[in-house]
Protein backbone atom coordinates (compact mmCIF):
# COMPACT_ATOMS: atom_id res chain seq x y z
CA MET A 1 -0.44 0.15 0.47
CA ASN A 2 1.63 3.69 -0.64
CA SER A 3 1.72 6.24 1.84
CA LEU A 4 0.69 9.21 1.67
CA GLY A 5 2.90 12.40 3.08
CA PHE A 6 1.60 16.03 3.24
CA CYS A 7 1.44 19.08 4.97
CA THR A 8 -0.29 21.37 7.09
CA ALA A 9 -0.12 24.76 8.16
CA ARG A 10 -1.59 24.90 11.49
CA ARG A 11 0.60 23.64 14.34
CA THR A 12 1.52 24.70 18.41
CA MET A 13 5.26 25.07 18.42
CA SER A 14 6.31 28.15 20.36
CA LEU A 15 8.36 30.33 18.03
CA ALA A 16 9.91 31.72 20.54
CA ALA A 17 13.35 30.53 19.86
CA LEU A 18 13.15 31.03 16.65
CA ALA A 19 12.26 34.69 17.55
CA VAL A 20 15.01 35.14 19.56
CA LEU A 21 17.30 33.43 17.54
CA ALA A 22 16.84 35.21 14.65
CA SER A 23 15.01 38.11 15.27
CA ALA A 24 16.54 39.46 11.92
CA VAL A 25 13.78 37.95 10.04
CA LEU A 26 11.34 39.48 11.59
CA ALA A 27 11.21 42.54 10.08
CA ALA A 28 11.03 40.22 6.52
CA PRO A 29 9.27 41.20 3.47
CA PRO A 30 6.46 38.54 3.51
CA ALA A 31 7.55 35.48 2.14
CA ARG A 32 7.47 34.63 -1.42
CA GLY A 33 9.06 31.46 -1.56
CA GLY A 34 8.83 28.12 -0.19
CA VAL A 35 10.51 25.50 2.68
CA PHE A 36 10.61 22.44 1.50
CA VAL A 37 11.29 18.64 3.65
CA ASP A 38 13.92 16.19 1.93
CA ALA A 39 13.79 12.66 3.06
CA THR A 40 16.35 11.39 1.31
CA ARG A 41 17.34 7.02 1.89
CA VAL A 42 20.82 7.10 3.30
CA THR A 43 21.13 3.13 3.55
CA SER A 44 20.55 0.33 4.92
CA THR A 45 23.96 -1.94 5.00
CA PHE A 46 25.63 0.51 8.66
CA ASP A 47 28.89 0.44 9.61
CA ALA A 48 30.70 -0.21 13.09
CA PRO A 49 29.58 -0.16 15.70
CA GLU A 50 26.18 -1.01 14.26
CA THR A 51 26.75 -3.16 11.98
CA SER A 52 24.73 -6.30 12.80
CA LEU A 53 21.73 -4.68 12.07
CA THR A 54 21.86 -4.96 8.92
CA GLY A 55 19.58 -7.48 7.67
CA LYS A 56 17.09 -6.48 10.98
CA GLY A 57 14.45 -4.72 8.67
CA PHE A 58 15.95 -1.09 9.74
CA GLU A 59 17.42 1.89 7.30
CA ALA A 60 18.40 5.03 7.45
CA TRP A 61 17.16 8.13 5.97
CA GLN A 62 18.40 12.30 6.41
CA ILE A 63 15.45 14.69 6.70
CA ASP A 64 16.93 18.04 5.56
CA VAL A 65 15.67 22.04 5.44
CA LEU A 66 15.24 23.95 2.14
CA THR A 67 14.15 26.73 0.46
CA ASP A 68 12.96 26.64 -3.10
CA ASN A 69 13.80 30.88 -4.03
CA GLY A 70 17.47 30.72 -1.83
CA ASP A 71 16.72 32.95 1.28
CA LEU A 72 18.84 31.57 3.42
CA ILE A 73 17.95 30.26 6.39
CA THR A 74 18.48 31.79 9.84
CA ALA A 75 17.08 29.09 12.49
CA VAL A 76 15.18 25.97 12.76
CA ASP A 77 12.41 24.37 14.81
CA VAL A 78 11.88 20.70 14.79
CA SER A 79 9.98 18.07 16.84
CA LEU A 80 9.69 13.97 14.77
CA LEU A 81 7.61 11.53 15.81
CA GLY A 82 8.26 8.18 14.70
CA ALA A 83 10.12 4.69 15.50
CA PHE A 84 13.52 5.61 15.93
CA HIS A 85 16.23 3.55 16.76
CA GLN A 86 18.58 4.61 19.62
CA ARG A 87 22.87 4.18 20.87
CA TRP A 88 22.99 5.25 24.54
CA TYR A 89 25.76 5.01 26.87
CA ASP A 90 27.37 6.48 29.29
CA LEU A 91 28.95 9.86 28.72
CA ASP A 92 29.96 10.66 33.21
CA PHE A 93 30.49 7.32 34.26
CA ASP A 94 27.21 7.04 37.10
CA ALA A 95 26.09 3.78 35.94
CA VAL A 96 23.15 5.65 33.46
CA PRO A 97 22.89 5.74 30.03
CA ASP A 98 22.61 9.02 28.70
CA PRO A 99 21.02 10.61 25.58
CA THR A 100 23.32 10.66 22.38
CA PRO A 101 20.43 13.95 20.70
CA LEU A 102 23.52 15.21 17.87
CA GLY A 103 25.29 13.87 15.66
CA ALA A 104 26.33 14.23 12.16
CA PRO A 105 24.23 13.87 9.16
CA SER A 106 23.80 10.45 6.81
CA ASP A 107 26.52 9.46 8.42
CA GLY A 108 25.63 5.20 8.37
CA ARG A 109 25.42 3.72 10.93
CA GLY A 110 22.50 2.58 13.38
CA ASP A 111 22.13 5.69 16.24
CA SER A 112 18.68 8.56 15.23
CA HIS A 113 19.50 11.96 16.14
CA LEU A 114 20.49 15.85 15.33
CA THR A 115 22.33 16.90 12.61
CA PRO A 116 22.78 21.09 13.32
CA THR A 117 25.79 21.76 12.75
CA ALA A 118 28.72 22.50 15.74
CA GLU A 119 28.39 26.53 15.30
CA ALA A 120 24.42 25.96 15.69
CA ARG A 121 23.47 28.14 18.39
CA PHE A 122 20.43 25.92 20.54
CA GLY A 123 16.88 27.84 21.99
CA THR A 124 15.41 24.90 23.03
CA ALA A 125 17.63 22.17 23.69
CA PRO A 126 18.61 18.79 22.00
CA GLU A 127 16.20 15.73 23.11
CA GLU A 128 15.48 12.09 22.32
CA ASN A 129 13.91 9.23 23.87
CA ASN A 130 15.16 5.54 24.24
CA ASN A 131 12.67 3.02 25.68
CA VAL A 132 16.91 1.26 25.99
CA TRP A 133 14.84 -2.44 24.53
CA ASP A 134 12.81 -3.88 21.41
CA SER A 135 16.11 -3.28 19.43
CA PRO A 136 17.51 -7.06 18.00
CA LEU A 137 20.77 -5.25 19.13
CA PRO A 138 22.27 -7.19 22.26
CA ASP A 139 23.22 -5.14 24.66
CA GLY A 140 27.37 -4.60 26.28
CA ALA A 141 29.06 -1.17 25.44
CA PHE A 142 25.91 0.46 24.46
CA ASP A 143 22.40 0.26 25.15
CA TYR A 144 19.98 0.19 22.24
CA GLY A 145 16.05 0.50 22.46
CA ILE A 146 13.77 2.84 20.06
CA GLY A 147 12.41 6.43 20.94
CA THR A 148 9.58 7.71 19.80
CA TYR A 149 10.80 11.52 19.96
CA LEU A 150 13.55 13.42 18.25
CA ARG A 151 13.82 17.61 18.66
CA GLY A 152 15.26 20.70 19.31
CA ALA A 153 14.90 24.68 17.81
CA TRP A 154 18.27 25.80 16.88
CA GLY A 155 19.47 29.21 15.21
CA ILE A 156 22.09 29.60 12.66
CA PRO A 157 24.86 31.97 12.78
CA SER A 158 25.27 34.66 9.85
CA PRO A 159 28.57 32.23 7.94
CA GLN A 160 27.36 28.75 8.29
CA ARG A 161 23.82 29.97 6.41
CA SER A 162 22.51 28.84 3.45
CA ASP A 163 19.10 27.67 1.56
CA ARG A 164 19.28 23.77 2.90
CA VAL A 165 20.16 22.84 6.48
CA ALA A 166 20.91 18.79 7.32
CA ALA A 167 17.41 18.37 10.28
CA ALA A 168 18.19 14.69 11.31
CA TYR A 169 19.44 11.20 10.26
CA VAL A 170 17.20 9.05 11.43
CA VAL A 171 17.29 4.79 11.85
CA VAL A 172 13.83 3.51 11.65
CA PRO A 173 12.51 0.69 10.18
CA ILE A 174 12.18 -0.25 7.05
CA GLY A 175 8.62 1.30 4.95
CA SER A 176 7.96 3.51 8.29
CA ASP A 177 6.10 6.54 8.17
CA LEU A 178 7.01 10.21 10.13
CA VAL A 179 4.88 12.76 11.93
CA GLY A 180 7.48 16.36 11.63
CA ASP A 181 6.18 19.80 12.73
CA PHE A 182 8.69 22.62 11.18
CA ALA A 183 8.92 26.34 12.48
CA VAL A 184 11.57 27.62 10.25
CA ALA A 185 12.71 30.89 10.40
CA THR A 186 14.38 32.55 5.99
CA THR A 187 15.71 36.32 5.18
CA GLY A 188 12.26 36.23 3.40
CA GLY A 189 10.11 35.37 6.22
CA THR A 190 8.56 32.27 8.49
CA PHE A 191 6.55 29.19 8.12
CA GLU A 192 5.28 26.81 10.14
CA PHE A 193 3.90 23.68 8.87
CA ARG A 194 3.22 20.13 9.72
CA SER A 195 4.55 16.66 7.41
CA VAL A 196 3.05 13.45 6.86
CA ILE A 197 7.02 12.09 5.68
CA PRO A 198 6.26 8.58 4.28
CA LEU A 199 10.44 6.71 3.84
CA CYS A 200 9.85 4.94 1.52
CA PRO A 201 12.57 2.16 -1.02
CA GLU A 202 11.13 4.82 -4.27
CA PRO A 203 11.36 7.39 -4.70
CA SER A 204 14.39 7.71 -2.73
CA THR A 205 14.16 11.82 -2.14
CA LEU A 206 10.94 12.88 -1.05
CA TRP A 207 10.15 16.33 -1.04
CA LEU A 208 6.75 18.07 0.93
CA GLY A 209 6.70 21.73 1.87
CA ALA A 210 5.01 24.99 2.68
CA ILE A 211 4.69 27.90 -0.25
CA GLY A 212 3.19 31.32 -0.12
CA LEU A 213 3.18 34.04 2.45
CA VAL A 214 3.59 33.83 5.77
CA ALA A 215 0.02 34.22 6.54
CA SER A 216 -0.51 30.80 4.72
CA ALA A 217 0.59 28.14 3.37
CA GLY A 218 0.50 24.75 0.64
CA LEU A 219 0.50 21.36 0.47
CA ARG A 220 2.19 18.94 -1.73
CA ILE A 221 1.05 15.77 -1.75
CA VAL A 222 4.03 12.79 -2.78
CA ARG A 223 2.88 9.11 -2.75
CA CYS A 224 5.56 6.94 -2.19
CA GLY A 225 6.36 5.20 -6.54
CA ARG A 226 5.11 8.34 -8.13
CA ARG A 227 4.72 11.87 -8.05
CA ARG A 228 1.72 14.05 -8.02
CA ARG A 229 1.46 17.06 -6.64
CA THR A 230 -2.11 19.34 -5.14
CA SER A 231 -1.45 23.10 -3.66
CA HIS A 232 -4.29 24.19 -0.93
CA ARG A 233 -3.87 27.61 1.17
CA ARG A 234 -4.99 26.63 4.71
CA GLN A 235 -4.74 30.80 6.85
CA LEU A 236 -2.60 29.84 10.42
CA THR A 237 -3.68 30.37 13.66
C-alpha cells in the first residue's frame, strides 16, 4: 500500500526560540518562496558499531529542510515523531545511559539524532527518548532501544547560513512514516507546517513543503513510487 505525505499549516510549537535566535527575520518582507522537507534514503547496510543491524529490518534516512528560491535559513525548530533506533551510552560514568541527540548527517550508523552544525545556537535543547529495549542488537558497551521523538530548535550564525539545513538522521523500520512539526525562519519570512513523511524505498528522495505568504501555506502531496502535486491555502492561527 502506498503511503501519503502531506503538510498542514497549523502547528502549536512556540516560535519564541526562533524569534530570539533569528530576530532579523521579524522585519523581513512577506515570504514569496517556499520551504520544503527533503527525505533522502541513506542506507540499509550499517557501519560499525551497528554492522549487525544490517538485514534486521531497519534503514537510515536524512531529513533536511530547504528553500526553493535561494533564501537563507536562519533558524529551525523541528519535532519528529516515529520509531527511531537509538544508541545510548554512559558518558559520565554514573552507570546510567545518557542520550545522544546530536550527531553527523548521513553517518551510516544505527543511532538516530538531530544534525545541526557545530556552530548552531540552541534555543530549545535537543531531546530524544529511548526505551532501552526493542532493538534487535544486544546491549553491551551501548544501550540500544527504540525512541519515539527527536526535537530541538537552533539558530544558524550568519557565516554558516545557506538555503539547505540538515535537520535529522533517522534509523527507522523499513516502510515507516514520520510526523514532523517544523518552524523555519528564513531571510524571506517564517514558515510553520506539519508533515507526514512517508519513508518509502522509491523514490529515494521525497519532497514535502509549505509555500506562499507568511499568513498562508500550501500542501504538497507525494505518493510513494510516483509524484503528484496539489496545493491548498489554509490560514495560520
